[in-house]
Amino acid sequence: MRNHGFHHVESATYSPLIRDARTAAQLLAERVQEIRERSGQDRIHIVGHSLGGLIARYYVQRLGGDAYVDILITVGTPHQGTHAARLLAPLPVTRQLHPNSPLIHELAAPAPGCRTRFVAIYSDFDEAIIPARYARIDHPDLQVRNILVNSIGHLALPRHRSVIRAICTEFTHVDGVQPGTGHADRSAHTAPDTARSLPAPSSRSRVSQPRRKARRAGS
């Protein structure tokens, strides 16, 4: 992202031993507040991969983070859970990733007035999200764009050049759909300028300041 001109990029990580995504979302809220105070920016952008995206969405949707997050982009995030979680160790956080878990039901609850724009990038080759469509956000109250990319595995997603290009495009062209319209789909093969369906060889959240605000600040 720095190579694409984003000069203010920071990481917000969580422990691999985390037991509750809600607790991680509260810690993310503290991290965002610290970044805002230090940078002087009112609102920021967040990119979250896998569970990191779910944590960021919980912060935005359930903890009031929509007041501070302009765009949230998730990459390979199990928004509707994943059946692959049943194959993992039966830890509290993996149980939260089951399709019918209380956490997933919380995120499906009404969210009127949410100010953040969501972009969900998902792959038809993501072995960690079963079925692949569960990485979409389908929520009638949220401003959402779902972007399908092809033939990219779960761990390769946040490093693939087409995904990075799509993220940068979303940050520099803030043109989301209106609230109440559900979601807009954009497939990789119909939008080659943002996300090409290229195979890739081969979790944490990324936090960056909005480009448009950075320009006003003269950075």
Protein backbone atom coordinates (compact mmCIF):
# COMPACT_ATOMS: atom_id res chain seq x y z
CA MET A 1 0.00 0.00 0.00
CA ARG A 2 2.90 2.35 0.66
CA ASN A 3 4.12 1.64 -2.86
CA HIS A 4 0.74 2.84 -4.09
CA GLY A 5 1.10 6.19 -2.33
CA PHE A 6 -0.43 5.53 1.09
CA HIS A 7 2.00 7.10 3.54
CA HIS A 8 0.12 6.47 6.79
CA VAL A 9 -0.28 2.70 7.16
CA GLU A 10 -0.30 0.93 10.53
CA SER A 11 -0.97 -2.57 11.82
CA ALA A 12 -3.39 -3.67 14.51
CA THR A 13 -2.77 -7.28 15.42
CA TYR A 14 -4.46 -9.68 17.82
CA SER A 15 -3.13 -12.65 19.76
CA PRO A 16 -3.41 -16.07 18.06
CA LEU A 17 -4.65 -17.31 21.45
CA ILE A 18 -7.61 -14.94 21.45
CA ARG A 19 -10.74 -16.52 22.92
CA ASP A 20 -13.38 -13.99 21.88
CA ALA A 21 -13.69 -11.85 18.74
CA ARG A 22 -15.70 -9.30 20.72
CA THR A 23 -12.79 -8.71 23.09
CA ALA A 24 -10.46 -8.27 20.12
CA ALA A 25 -12.92 -5.74 18.67
CA GLN A 26 -12.74 -3.72 21.87
CA LEU A 27 -8.95 -3.72 21.67
CA LEU A 28 -9.20 -2.61 18.05
CA ALA A 29 -11.42 0.28 19.18
CA GLU A 30 -8.66 1.41 21.55
CA ARG A 31 -6.07 1.13 18.79
CA VAL A 32 -8.17 3.17 16.39
CA GLN A 33 -8.66 5.87 19.01
CA GLU A 34 -4.90 6.02 19.60
CA ILE A 35 -4.24 6.35 15.86
CA ARG A 36 -6.85 9.08 15.49
CA GLU A 37 -5.45 11.11 18.36
CA ARG A 38 -1.88 10.79 17.13
CA SER A 39 -2.67 11.50 13.47
CA GLY A 40 -5.31 14.17 13.94
CA GLN A 41 -7.62 12.37 11.51
CA ASP A 42 -11.32 12.06 12.34
CA ARG A 43 -11.94 8.97 10.23
CA ILE A 44 -9.74 6.18 8.89
CA HIS A 45 -9.89 3.15 6.59
CA ILE A 46 -9.45 -0.45 7.78
CA VAL A 47 -8.46 -3.59 5.88
CA GLY A 48 -8.99 -6.89 7.67
CA HIS A 49 -7.98 -10.35 6.50
CA SER A 50 -9.84 -13.49 7.62
CA LEU A 51 -10.80 -13.29 11.31
CA GLY A 52 -9.28 -9.79 11.36
CA GLY A 53 -12.06 -8.66 9.04
CA LEU A 54 -14.72 -10.14 11.28
CA ILE A 55 -13.21 -8.41 14.32
CA ALA A 56 -13.15 -5.10 12.46
CA ARG A 57 -16.74 -5.54 11.30
CA TYR A 58 -17.89 -6.22 14.86
CA TYR A 59 -16.14 -3.05 16.00
CA VAL A 60 -17.75 -0.99 13.25
CA GLN A 61 -21.22 -2.50 13.38
CA ARG A 62 -21.69 -3.26 17.08
CA LEU A 63 -19.32 -0.99 19.02
CA GLY A 64 -19.92 2.34 17.31
CA GLY A 65 -16.83 2.19 15.12
CA ASP A 66 -18.83 3.48 12.15
CA ALA A 67 -18.33 6.96 13.60
CA TYR A 68 -14.59 6.68 12.93
CA VAL A 69 -14.20 4.25 10.01
CA ASP A 70 -14.85 5.55 6.51
CA ILE A 71 -14.32 2.28 4.61
CA LEU A 72 -13.87 -1.26 5.92
CA ILE A 73 -12.46 -3.73 3.42
CA THR A 74 -12.48 -7.40 4.37
CA VAL A 75 -10.43 -10.02 2.55
CA GLY A 76 -11.37 -13.69 2.85
CA THR A 77 -13.50 -13.05 5.95
CA PRO A 78 -16.16 -15.59 7.06
CA HIS A 79 -19.00 -13.10 7.39
CA GLN A 80 -21.55 -15.91 7.45
CA GLY A 81 -19.22 -18.31 9.22
CA THR A 82 -17.47 -21.24 7.61
CA HIS A 83 -17.99 -24.98 7.81
CA ALA A 84 -14.20 -25.32 7.83
CA ALA A 85 -14.29 -24.11 11.46
CA ARG A 86 -15.64 -27.51 12.45
CA LEU A 87 -12.33 -29.03 11.36
CA LEU A 88 -10.28 -26.76 13.60
CA ALA A 89 -9.46 -27.23 17.28
CA PRO A 90 -12.63 -26.66 19.36
CA LEU A 91 -11.46 -23.34 20.80
CA PRO A 92 -13.93 -20.59 21.80
CA VAL A 93 -12.95 -18.34 18.89
CA THR A 94 -13.22 -21.13 16.31
CA ARG A 95 -16.69 -21.96 17.61
CA GLN A 96 -17.61 -18.31 16.92
CA LEU A 97 -16.84 -18.98 13.26
CA HIS A 98 -19.50 -21.68 12.92
CA PRO A 99 -22.25 -20.54 10.52
CA ASN A 100 -24.94 -20.44 13.20
CA SER A 101 -22.88 -19.10 16.10
CA PRO A 102 -24.20 -16.28 18.32
CA LEU A 103 -21.50 -13.98 16.92
CA ILE A 104 -22.64 -14.54 13.33
CA HIS A 105 -26.26 -13.95 14.38
CA GLU A 106 -25.24 -10.69 16.08
CA LEU A 107 -23.71 -9.42 12.87
CA ALA A 108 -26.84 -10.39 10.94
CA ALA A 109 -28.99 -8.27 13.30
CA PRO A 110 -30.38 -4.92 12.09
CA ALA A 111 -27.81 -2.14 11.81
CA PRO A 112 -29.75 0.99 10.82
CA GLY A 113 -27.78 4.14 10.22
CA CYS A 114 -24.36 2.48 9.94
CA ARG A 115 -22.09 5.11 8.34
CA THR A 116 -19.20 2.91 7.21
CA ARG A 117 -18.97 1.64 3.65
CA PHE A 118 -18.09 -2.07 3.42
CA VAL A 119 -16.19 -3.90 0.69
CA ALA A 120 -15.90 -7.70 0.90
CA ILE A 121 -13.27 -9.28 -1.34
CA TYR A 122 -13.68 -13.03 -1.60
CA SER A 123 -12.31 -15.86 -3.71
CA ASP A 124 -13.86 -18.91 -5.33
CA PHE A 125 -10.66 -20.79 -4.40
CA ASP A 126 -10.58 -19.93 -0.68
CA GLU A 127 -10.08 -23.23 1.12
CA ALA A 128 -10.78 -21.67 4.54
CA ILE A 129 -14.24 -20.29 3.69
CA ILE A 130 -16.72 -23.07 2.94
CA PRO A 131 -18.80 -22.35 0.97
CA ALA A 132 -17.00 -19.43 -0.69
CA ARG A 133 -20.12 -17.24 -0.76
CA TYR A 134 -20.01 -17.06 3.05
CA ALA A 135 -17.24 -14.47 2.66
CA ARG A 136 -19.76 -12.04 1.16
CA ILE A 137 -21.64 -9.46 3.20
CA ASP A 138 -25.36 -9.70 2.48
CA HIS A 139 -27.00 -7.28 4.90
CA PRO A 140 -29.87 -4.96 3.91
CA ASP A 141 -28.81 -2.13 6.25
CA LEU A 142 -25.18 -1.86 5.17
CA GLN A 143 -23.53 -0.11 2.22
CA VAL A 144 -21.72 -3.06 0.67
CA ARG A 145 -19.77 -3.96 -2.44
CA ASN A 146 -18.87 -7.66 -2.83
CA ILE A 147 -15.90 -8.30 -5.13
CA LEU A 148 -15.21 -11.81 -6.40
CA VAL A 149 -11.67 -12.80 -7.38
CA ASN A 150 -10.78 -16.13 -8.93
CA SER A 151 -8.20 -18.82 -8.17
CA ILE A 152 -6.54 -17.19 -5.14
CA GLY A 153 -6.07 -19.15 -1.92
CA HIS A 154 -6.86 -17.90 1.57
CA LEU A 155 -3.33 -17.03 2.69
CA ALA A 156 -2.38 -15.57 -0.68
CA LEU A 157 -5.33 -13.17 -0.81
CA PRO A 158 -3.87 -10.22 1.16
CA ARG A 159 -0.61 -10.37 -0.83
CA HIS A 160 -1.95 -10.87 -4.33
CA ARG A 161 -1.37 -7.90 -6.63
CA SER A 162 -4.94 -7.88 -7.95
CA VAL A 163 -6.38 -7.77 -4.42
CA ILE A 164 -4.00 -4.98 -3.39
CA ARG A 165 -4.96 -3.08 -6.52
CA ALA A 166 -8.65 -3.50 -5.70
CA ILE A 167 -8.09 -2.22 -2.16
CA CYS A 168 -6.22 0.85 -3.38
CA THR A 169 -8.91 1.53 -5.97
CA GLU A 170 -11.64 1.45 -3.33
CA PHE A 171 -9.68 3.84 -1.12
CA THR A 172 -9.04 6.34 -3.87
CA HIS A 173 -12.50 6.22 -5.49
CA VAL A 174 -15.06 6.61 -2.73
CA ASP A 175 -18.26 5.90 -4.66
CA GLY A 176 -20.23 3.42 -2.56
CA VAL A 177 -23.85 2.39 -3.04
CA GLN A 178 -26.52 4.11 -0.97
CA PRO A 179 -27.80 2.73 2.37
CA GLY A 180 -30.78 0.45 2.09
CA THR A 181 -29.85 -0.86 -1.35
CA GLY A 182 -28.32 -4.03 0.06
CA HIS A 183 -25.18 -4.82 -1.90
CA ALA A 184 -23.57 -4.41 -5.27
CA ASP A 185 -21.58 -7.21 -6.84
CA ARG A 186 -18.47 -6.71 -8.87
CA SER A 187 -16.71 -9.74 -10.25
CA ALA A 188 -13.01 -9.87 -11.03
CA HIS A 189 -13.53 -10.82 -14.64
CA THR A 190 -15.95 -7.93 -15.25
CA ALA A 191 -13.75 -5.31 -13.57
CA PRO A 192 -10.19 -6.09 -14.65
CA ASP A 193 -8.95 -2.66 -13.57
CA THR A 194 -9.61 -3.45 -9.93
CA ALA A 195 -9.32 -7.19 -9.38
CA ARG A 196 -8.08 -9.61 -12.01
CA SER A 197 -8.76 -13.31 -11.66
CA LEU A 198 -5.14 -14.41 -11.60
CA PRO A 199 -3.81 -17.56 -9.92
CA ALA A 200 -1.42 -16.99 -7.03
CA PRO A 201 1.62 -19.01 -5.92
CA SER A 202 1.49 -19.78 -2.58
CA SER A 203 -4.27 -12.29 9.99
CA ARG A 204 -4.15 -9.31 10.70
CA SER A 205 -5.97 -6.05 10.25
CA ARG A 206 -4.48 -3.10 8.39
CA VAL A 207 -5.37 0.43 9.36
CA SER A 208 -4.78 3.40 7.07
CA GLN A 209 -5.88 6.98 6.91
CA PRO A 210 -8.21 7.93 4.04
CA ARG A 211 -6.29 9.29 1.09
CA ARG A 212 -8.74 12.12 0.53
CA LYS A 213 -8.28 13.41 4.10
CA ALA A 214 -4.53 13.07 3.89
CA ARG A 215 -4.51 15.31 0.81
CA ARG A 216 -6.45 17.99 2.67
CA ALA A 217 -3.94 17.78 5.48
CA GLY A 218 -1.15 18.37 2.99
CA SER A 219 0.61 15.04 3.54
